[in-house]
Amino acid sequence: MIKINEREYEDYSTNISIIKYVHVNRKGKAPLICFKNNDFIIRLETNLDVNILSNMELNIKDNITKYISDISYEDSEGWISLIYGEHDCYIERINNNSYRISLEINDEEFKININEILNIE
């Protein structure tokens, strides 16, 4: 479920791409997560290495906010980066390749909540 300001959305698709990243003294592969429907696209760019994800313990909720490198929102009027607003992101491994992600963004223009189960391989 995605909630933007006061409106809830359940009709959207989720796309996960594994991309290469370089961050300070680390490099590797991490998920880029896109939530899309006819009204918007929300992109969550991470530098949370897939090796860290695959080694997470089951049913432990981890704060991954420091691994978020960008959050963008795009609609018919343009796009905006929300990385500089207040945000928190948590992930919980619920089985082998499934993760529950919880993202809360409190920006001047947007209040966004995302609670979704993702398959990351």
N, C-alpha and C. Protein backbone atom coordinates (compact mmCIF):
# COMPACT_ATOMS: atom_id res chain seq x y z
N MET A 1 0.84 -1.17 0.00
CA MET A 1 0.00 0.00 0.00
C MET A 1 0.89 1.24 0.00
N ILE A 2 0.50 2.20 -0.80
CA ILE A 2 1.18 3.49 -0.84
C ILE A 2 0.17 4.56 -0.47
N LYS A 3 0.58 5.44 0.43
CA LYS A 3 -0.26 6.57 0.80
C LYS A 3 0.52 7.85 0.52
N ILE A 4 -0.05 8.71 -0.30
CA ILE A 4 0.56 10.00 -0.62
C ILE A 4 -0.38 11.08 -0.12
N ASN A 5 0.12 11.86 0.84
CA ASN A 5 -0.70 12.82 1.57
C ASN A 5 -1.89 12.07 2.16
N GLU A 6 -3.10 12.31 1.75
CA GLU A 6 -4.25 11.61 2.35
C GLU A 6 -4.83 10.54 1.43
N ARG A 7 -4.24 10.34 0.26
CA ARG A 7 -4.80 9.39 -0.71
C ARG A 7 -4.03 8.06 -0.68
N GLU A 8 -4.79 6.97 -0.63
CA GLU A 8 -4.19 5.63 -0.63
C GLU A 8 -4.27 5.03 -2.02
N TYR A 9 -3.20 4.32 -2.40
CA TYR A 9 -3.11 3.66 -3.69
C TYR A 9 -2.84 2.18 -3.47
N GLU A 10 -3.57 1.35 -4.19
CA GLU A 10 -3.28 -0.08 -4.17
C GLU A 10 -3.07 -0.61 -5.58
N ASP A 11 -3.33 0.22 -6.58
CA ASP A 11 -3.19 -0.18 -7.98
C ASP A 11 -1.89 0.41 -8.53
N TYR A 12 -0.80 -0.32 -8.37
CA TYR A 12 0.50 0.11 -8.86
C TYR A 12 1.37 -1.12 -9.10
N SER A 13 2.41 -0.92 -9.85
CA SER A 13 3.36 -2.01 -10.08
C SER A 13 4.66 -1.69 -9.37
N THR A 14 5.41 -2.73 -9.09
CA THR A 14 6.70 -2.59 -8.44
C THR A 14 7.75 -3.23 -9.33
N ASN A 15 8.82 -2.50 -9.59
CA ASN A 15 9.91 -3.03 -10.39
C ASN A 15 11.21 -2.88 -9.59
N ILE A 16 11.98 -3.95 -9.54
CA ILE A 16 13.25 -3.93 -8.81
C ILE A 16 14.37 -4.27 -9.79
N SER A 17 15.32 -3.37 -9.90
CA SER A 17 16.50 -3.59 -10.72
C SER A 17 17.71 -3.63 -9.80
N ILE A 18 18.62 -4.53 -10.09
CA ILE A 18 19.87 -4.58 -9.32
C ILE A 18 20.90 -3.78 -10.12
N ILE A 19 21.41 -2.71 -9.51
CA ILE A 19 22.34 -1.81 -10.19
C ILE A 19 23.67 -1.77 -9.46
N LYS A 20 24.71 -1.41 -10.18
CA LYS A 20 26.02 -1.22 -9.56
C LYS A 20 26.04 0.13 -8.86
N TYR A 21 26.75 0.19 -7.73
CA TYR A 21 26.90 1.46 -7.02
C TYR A 21 28.33 1.62 -6.55
N VAL A 22 28.71 2.87 -6.31
CA VAL A 22 29.98 3.21 -5.67
C VAL A 22 29.63 4.23 -4.61
N HIS A 23 30.02 3.94 -3.36
CA HIS A 23 29.71 4.83 -2.24
C HIS A 23 30.94 4.91 -1.35
N VAL A 24 31.55 6.07 -1.27
CA VAL A 24 32.76 6.32 -0.49
C VAL A 24 33.79 5.22 -0.82
N ASN A 25 34.06 4.32 0.11
CA ASN A 25 35.06 3.28 -0.11
C ASN A 25 34.45 1.92 -0.40
N ARG A 26 33.16 1.88 -0.74
CA ARG A 26 32.51 0.61 -1.03
C ARG A 26 31.91 0.64 -2.43
N LYS A 27 31.84 -0.53 -3.01
CA LYS A 27 31.11 -0.66 -4.27
C LYS A 27 30.50 -2.04 -4.32
N GLY A 28 29.46 -2.18 -5.11
CA GLY A 28 28.78 -3.46 -5.20
C GLY A 28 27.53 -3.34 -6.02
N LYS A 29 26.54 -4.19 -5.71
CA LYS A 29 25.26 -4.20 -6.41
C LYS A 29 24.15 -4.03 -5.38
N ALA A 30 23.18 -3.19 -5.72
CA ALA A 30 22.09 -2.87 -4.78
C ALA A 30 20.79 -2.68 -5.54
N PRO A 31 19.66 -2.85 -4.85
CA PRO A 31 18.37 -2.68 -5.54
C PRO A 31 17.99 -1.21 -5.76
N LEU A 32 17.41 -0.97 -6.94
CA LEU A 32 16.72 0.26 -7.26
C LEU A 32 15.24 -0.14 -7.36
N ILE A 33 14.42 0.42 -6.51
CA ILE A 33 13.02 0.00 -6.39
C ILE A 33 12.12 1.11 -6.94
N CYS A 34 11.24 0.75 -7.89
CA CYS A 34 10.32 1.71 -8.49
C CYS A 34 8.88 1.27 -8.24
N PHE A 35 8.09 2.22 -7.78
CA PHE A 35 6.65 2.01 -7.60
C PHE A 35 5.97 2.92 -8.63
N LYS A 36 5.09 2.34 -9.47
CA LYS A 36 4.54 3.11 -10.58
C LYS A 36 3.06 2.80 -10.79
N ASN A 37 2.30 3.86 -11.05
CA ASN A 37 0.94 3.71 -11.55
C ASN A 37 0.70 4.80 -12.59
N ASN A 38 -0.54 5.02 -12.99
CA ASN A 38 -0.81 6.02 -14.02
C ASN A 38 -0.60 7.45 -13.55
N ASP A 39 -0.55 7.67 -12.24
CA ASP A 39 -0.41 9.02 -11.69
C ASP A 39 1.01 9.39 -11.27
N PHE A 40 1.84 8.43 -10.92
CA PHE A 40 3.14 8.76 -10.34
C PHE A 40 4.15 7.62 -10.51
N ILE A 41 5.41 7.98 -10.29
CA ILE A 41 6.50 7.01 -10.15
C ILE A 41 7.29 7.45 -8.92
N ILE A 42 7.54 6.52 -8.01
CA ILE A 42 8.41 6.77 -6.86
C ILE A 42 9.60 5.84 -7.01
N ARG A 43 10.81 6.41 -6.99
CA ARG A 43 12.03 5.62 -7.11
C ARG A 43 12.80 5.69 -5.79
N LEU A 44 13.22 4.54 -5.34
CA LEU A 44 14.00 4.42 -4.12
C LEU A 44 15.34 3.80 -4.50
N GLU A 45 16.37 4.65 -4.54
CA GLU A 45 17.70 4.19 -4.91
C GLU A 45 18.49 3.89 -3.64
N THR A 46 19.05 2.69 -3.58
CA THR A 46 19.78 2.27 -2.37
C THR A 46 21.23 1.95 -2.70
N ASN A 47 22.04 1.92 -1.65
CA ASN A 47 23.37 1.34 -1.75
C ASN A 47 23.51 0.25 -0.68
N LEU A 48 22.40 -0.45 -0.48
CA LEU A 48 22.35 -1.60 0.43
C LEU A 48 22.71 -2.83 -0.39
N ASP A 49 23.91 -3.31 -0.22
CA ASP A 49 24.43 -4.38 -1.05
C ASP A 49 23.56 -5.63 -0.97
N VAL A 50 23.37 -6.30 -2.10
CA VAL A 50 22.56 -7.51 -2.13
C VAL A 50 23.13 -8.60 -1.23
N ASN A 51 24.43 -8.59 -0.99
CA ASN A 51 25.03 -9.56 -0.06
C ASN A 51 24.57 -9.32 1.37
N ILE A 52 24.41 -8.06 1.75
CA ILE A 52 23.89 -7.74 3.08
C ILE A 52 22.44 -8.21 3.18
N LEU A 53 21.66 -7.95 2.14
CA LEU A 53 20.26 -8.39 2.13
C LEU A 53 20.15 -9.90 2.29
N SER A 54 20.94 -10.64 1.53
CA SER A 54 20.82 -12.10 1.56
C SER A 54 21.30 -12.70 2.87
N ASN A 55 22.06 -11.95 3.65
CA ASN A 55 22.55 -12.45 4.93
C ASN A 55 21.76 -11.92 6.13
N MET A 56 20.69 -11.17 5.88
CA MET A 56 19.88 -10.65 6.98
C MET A 56 19.18 -11.80 7.69
N GLU A 57 19.02 -11.66 8.99
CA GLU A 57 18.26 -12.65 9.76
C GLU A 57 16.78 -12.50 9.45
N LEU A 58 16.06 -13.59 9.56
CA LEU A 58 14.62 -13.57 9.33
C LEU A 58 13.90 -12.84 10.46
N ASN A 59 12.84 -12.12 10.09
CA ASN A 59 11.92 -11.48 11.04
C ASN A 59 12.57 -10.44 11.95
N ILE A 60 13.65 -9.83 11.50
CA ILE A 60 14.29 -8.73 12.23
C ILE A 60 14.14 -7.47 11.38
N LYS A 61 13.54 -6.45 11.95
CA LYS A 61 13.31 -5.19 11.24
C LYS A 61 14.56 -4.31 11.40
N ASP A 62 15.21 -4.01 10.28
CA ASP A 62 16.44 -3.20 10.29
C ASP A 62 16.20 -1.83 9.70
N ASN A 63 16.75 -0.80 10.34
CA ASN A 63 16.68 0.55 9.81
C ASN A 63 17.75 0.68 8.72
N ILE A 64 17.32 0.93 7.48
CA ILE A 64 18.26 1.06 6.37
C ILE A 64 18.29 2.49 5.82
N THR A 65 17.85 3.44 6.59
CA THR A 65 17.79 4.83 6.14
C THR A 65 19.13 5.32 5.63
N LYS A 66 20.22 4.93 6.29
CA LYS A 66 21.55 5.41 5.87
C LYS A 66 21.97 4.82 4.53
N TYR A 67 21.29 3.78 4.06
CA TYR A 67 21.61 3.17 2.77
C TYR A 67 20.76 3.70 1.62
N ILE A 68 19.93 4.69 1.88
CA ILE A 68 19.10 5.29 0.84
C ILE A 68 19.90 6.44 0.22
N SER A 69 20.20 6.32 -1.08
CA SER A 69 20.99 7.36 -1.73
C SER A 69 20.14 8.38 -2.47
N ASP A 70 18.89 8.01 -2.83
CA ASP A 70 17.98 8.99 -3.42
C ASP A 70 16.56 8.46 -3.36
N ILE A 71 15.63 9.39 -3.23
CA ILE A 71 14.20 9.11 -3.32
C ILE A 71 13.65 10.15 -4.27
N SER A 72 12.99 9.71 -5.34
CA SER A 72 12.42 10.69 -6.26
C SER A 72 10.94 10.40 -6.49
N TYR A 73 10.20 11.46 -6.74
CA TYR A 73 8.79 11.39 -7.03
C TYR A 73 8.58 12.08 -8.37
N GLU A 74 7.85 11.42 -9.27
CA GLU A 74 7.59 11.98 -10.59
C GLU A 74 6.12 11.84 -10.91
N ASP A 75 5.55 12.92 -11.48
CA ASP A 75 4.17 12.86 -11.97
C ASP A 75 4.08 13.72 -13.22
N SER A 76 2.88 14.04 -13.67
CA SER A 76 2.70 14.78 -14.92
C SER A 76 3.26 16.19 -14.86
N GLU A 77 3.50 16.70 -13.67
CA GLU A 77 4.02 18.06 -13.51
C GLU A 77 5.54 18.12 -13.43
N GLY A 78 6.22 16.96 -13.36
CA GLY A 78 7.68 16.94 -13.28
C GLY A 78 8.13 15.98 -12.21
N TRP A 79 9.37 16.15 -11.75
CA TRP A 79 9.89 15.27 -10.71
C TRP A 79 10.60 16.10 -9.65
N ILE A 80 10.77 15.48 -8.48
CA ILE A 80 11.44 16.13 -7.36
C ILE A 80 12.19 15.05 -6.57
N SER A 81 13.37 15.42 -6.10
CA SER A 81 14.11 14.53 -5.21
C SER A 81 13.67 14.82 -3.78
N LEU A 82 13.35 13.76 -3.06
CA LEU A 82 12.88 13.89 -1.68
C LEU A 82 13.92 13.46 -0.65
N ILE A 83 15.15 13.23 -1.10
CA ILE A 83 16.18 12.71 -0.21
C ILE A 83 16.53 13.69 0.91
N TYR A 84 16.32 14.98 0.67
CA TYR A 84 16.71 15.97 1.67
C TYR A 84 15.62 16.23 2.71
N GLY A 85 14.44 15.67 2.49
CA GLY A 85 13.38 15.77 3.48
C GLY A 85 13.58 14.73 4.57
N GLU A 86 12.74 14.78 5.57
CA GLU A 86 12.80 13.80 6.66
C GLU A 86 12.23 12.47 6.16
N HIS A 87 13.00 11.40 6.36
CA HIS A 87 12.53 10.08 5.92
C HIS A 87 13.16 8.98 6.77
N ASP A 88 12.44 7.87 6.86
CA ASP A 88 12.91 6.67 7.55
C ASP A 88 12.55 5.48 6.69
N CYS A 89 13.45 4.51 6.63
CA CYS A 89 13.20 3.31 5.84
C CYS A 89 13.65 2.08 6.63
N TYR A 90 12.77 1.10 6.70
CA TYR A 90 13.04 -0.15 7.40
C TYR A 90 12.80 -1.31 6.45
N ILE A 91 13.57 -2.37 6.66
CA ILE A 91 13.37 -3.58 5.87
C ILE A 91 13.44 -4.79 6.80
N GLU A 92 12.61 -5.77 6.49
CA GLU A 92 12.56 -7.00 7.29
C GLU A 92 12.54 -8.18 6.32
N ARG A 93 13.45 -9.09 6.50
CA ARG A 93 13.47 -10.30 5.67
C ARG A 93 12.43 -11.26 6.22
N ILE A 94 11.47 -11.64 5.36
CA ILE A 94 10.39 -12.50 5.85
C ILE A 94 10.52 -13.94 5.35
N ASN A 95 11.29 -14.16 4.31
CA ASN A 95 11.71 -15.51 3.91
C ASN A 95 12.89 -15.38 2.97
N ASN A 96 13.22 -16.43 2.25
CA ASN A 96 14.46 -16.47 1.49
C ASN A 96 14.71 -15.23 0.63
N ASN A 97 13.78 -14.86 -0.26
CA ASN A 97 13.97 -13.71 -1.13
C ASN A 97 12.89 -12.64 -0.96
N SER A 98 12.10 -12.72 0.08
CA SER A 98 11.02 -11.76 0.31
C SER A 98 11.35 -10.85 1.49
N TYR A 99 11.05 -9.57 1.27
CA TYR A 99 11.36 -8.54 2.27
C TYR A 99 10.17 -7.60 2.39
N ARG A 100 9.90 -7.16 3.59
CA ARG A 100 8.89 -6.13 3.83
C ARG A 100 9.62 -4.81 3.97
N ILE A 101 9.23 -3.84 3.14
CA ILE A 101 9.85 -2.53 3.22
C ILE A 101 8.83 -1.54 3.74
N SER A 102 9.27 -0.68 4.64
CA SER A 102 8.43 0.40 5.20
C SER A 102 9.20 1.70 5.01
N LEU A 103 8.62 2.60 4.26
CA LEU A 103 9.25 3.88 3.97
C LEU A 103 8.29 4.99 4.36
N GLU A 104 8.77 5.93 5.15
CA GLU A 104 7.97 7.09 5.54
C GLU A 104 8.74 8.35 5.18
N ILE A 105 8.09 9.22 4.41
CA ILE A 105 8.70 10.48 3.97
C ILE A 105 7.83 11.63 4.45
N ASN A 106 8.44 12.58 5.13
CA ASN A 106 7.76 13.79 5.58
C ASN A 106 8.49 14.97 4.97
N ASP A 107 8.03 15.38 3.80
CA ASP A 107 8.62 16.50 3.08
C ASP A 107 7.65 17.67 3.15
N GLU A 108 8.10 18.85 2.75
CA GLU A 108 7.20 20.02 2.77
C GLU A 108 5.97 19.79 1.90
N GLU A 109 6.16 19.17 0.73
CA GLU A 109 5.05 18.97 -0.21
C GLU A 109 4.36 17.63 -0.05
N PHE A 110 5.11 16.62 0.40
CA PHE A 110 4.60 15.26 0.38
C PHE A 110 4.74 14.57 1.73
N LYS A 111 3.71 13.83 2.05
CA LYS A 111 3.74 12.86 3.14
C LYS A 111 3.49 11.52 2.47
N ILE A 112 4.50 10.67 2.42
CA ILE A 112 4.39 9.41 1.70
C ILE A 112 4.69 8.26 2.66
N ASN A 113 3.83 7.25 2.63
CA ASN A 113 4.05 6.02 3.38
C ASN A 113 3.95 4.85 2.41
N ILE A 114 4.95 3.99 2.45
CA ILE A 114 4.95 2.78 1.62
C ILE A 114 5.17 1.59 2.53
N ASN A 115 4.30 0.62 2.44
CA ASN A 115 4.44 -0.66 3.13
C ASN A 115 4.20 -1.73 2.09
N GLU A 116 5.24 -2.46 1.75
CA GLU A 116 5.15 -3.38 0.62
C GLU A 116 6.05 -4.59 0.85
N ILE A 117 5.61 -5.72 0.34
CA ILE A 117 6.46 -6.92 0.35
C ILE A 117 7.10 -7.03 -1.02
N LEU A 118 8.41 -7.16 -1.03
CA LEU A 118 9.19 -7.20 -2.26
C LEU A 118 9.91 -8.53 -2.40
N ASN A 119 10.06 -8.99 -3.62
CA ASN A 119 10.90 -10.15 -3.91
C ASN A 119 12.18 -9.63 -4.55
N ILE A 120 13.29 -9.78 -3.84
CA ILE A 120 14.57 -9.30 -4.30
C ILE A 120 15.48 -10.51 -4.45
N GLU A 121 15.92 -10.74 -5.67
CA GLU A 121 16.77 -11.90 -5.92
C GLU A 121 18.15 -11.48 -6.37
